[in-house]
């Protein structure tokens, strides 16, 4: 099978599966439908020239700006039929996200690839019916709306990393801003982008320094973990800070403090609550419980078959991610950066909801695309379909000429830390276009 057909085939296959699944799941309205439509209609009136006097500019308007406008426009055009349009939009957006993710994989695949790559990718993206797929059928919800933006972000970022294109960095930056206007968790994307840029700069400056490389890894994983699970619980535990100065966000922050103080883990599932914490370490435990429940595919009320299927999926995802991680690190160069970056992006969403709160399992959707991409690379390596792009975008000379865009000088580095180029031992050099099995 020619690799260039994979994105289109994945789009069609995903759409067919979702249409069929619709008859099984049906559809429902999101819990905040009324608010989205009200804010959306007010924004549409303002954009049409009636002024923005009716618009209430609070966190629900600003942090959900794109969904508000989209849903308001749909309600204005289609009226009572907008709910069906929303479901169709969800399915198309999710299928388009699949196309974008396959486009990332195709950029590193051989001209001809195994049909098993298509099957593996679709299993990763559609293999969690209850945890992922069914949320396509919640009308007027920003969660599925967010997935194509995150997929586009990674398409741009992978282009910036593997080809050294300035347009890739610009595209990733623009999409990261759009993510902020889609849902509160969108703030993770520009923060992650800033951390990755800092990580790359530290790696470039400390090519031969084990200390600098350790600091870079700390900035990527250890420092955010310490902030979320040690510093933030301490702030909540003390509860001595005047937060009135932040305006209307103060109520939201105070509510988050209260959720910590009540031991709430998943808001809608009392079985997950851990009781009122008293000591500092009990506050730390609340955050850790939130992380575990966020990433764990076993939930209260699941049947035995459901748990077994999720365990199988987890094992496949973990195994493929390990293969992808090792393969990308073995390739070195910019590909060695992709592996920890993908894992860190997924982890940051989990950290965000460890600090805030999970209303229901839809909130975990943003953590999946980076893991799918990493595991998909594993499928490429496993089926002998991975090939570094045969263009100068990953060569040393090209990167030296474009280091202002990339922040890297990979031609001068060897297998040090997270950025490396291959020496003559091991797999073929990056940029040769040879297939890696």
Foldseek 3Di string as FASTA:
>chain_A
DFLVCLLVVLLVVLLVVLVVCCVVLPAAADPCQVVLQVQQLLVVCCVVPVNNPVHDPDCVCQQAVVLSVVLNVLCVPPNPCSQVVQLVVLSNLLSNLLSLLSVLVSQFWARDFDPVLSVLLSCLSCVQCVLPSSVSRHGSDLLSVLSSLLSQLVSLCSCCLQQVDLVSVVSNVVSLVVLSRRHVLSVLSVVLVVLLLVLLLLCQVPQPPPVSLVVSVCSLPVVLVCCLLPVLLVCLLVVPDDPCVVPPCVVVVVVQSVCLQQQPQAAQDVVLRDGGDDDSVVSSVSLVSNLCVLPDQDDPPDDPVSNVSVVVSVVLLVVLLVLLQVVQLLQFASSLSLSSSLQSSLVSLSSVCSSGHHHDSSSSVRSRSSSSSSSSSSVCQVRQTGWARLDCSRPQVVCVVSCVSNVHRANPHDSGRSGHFYDPPGDDTHNNRDTHD
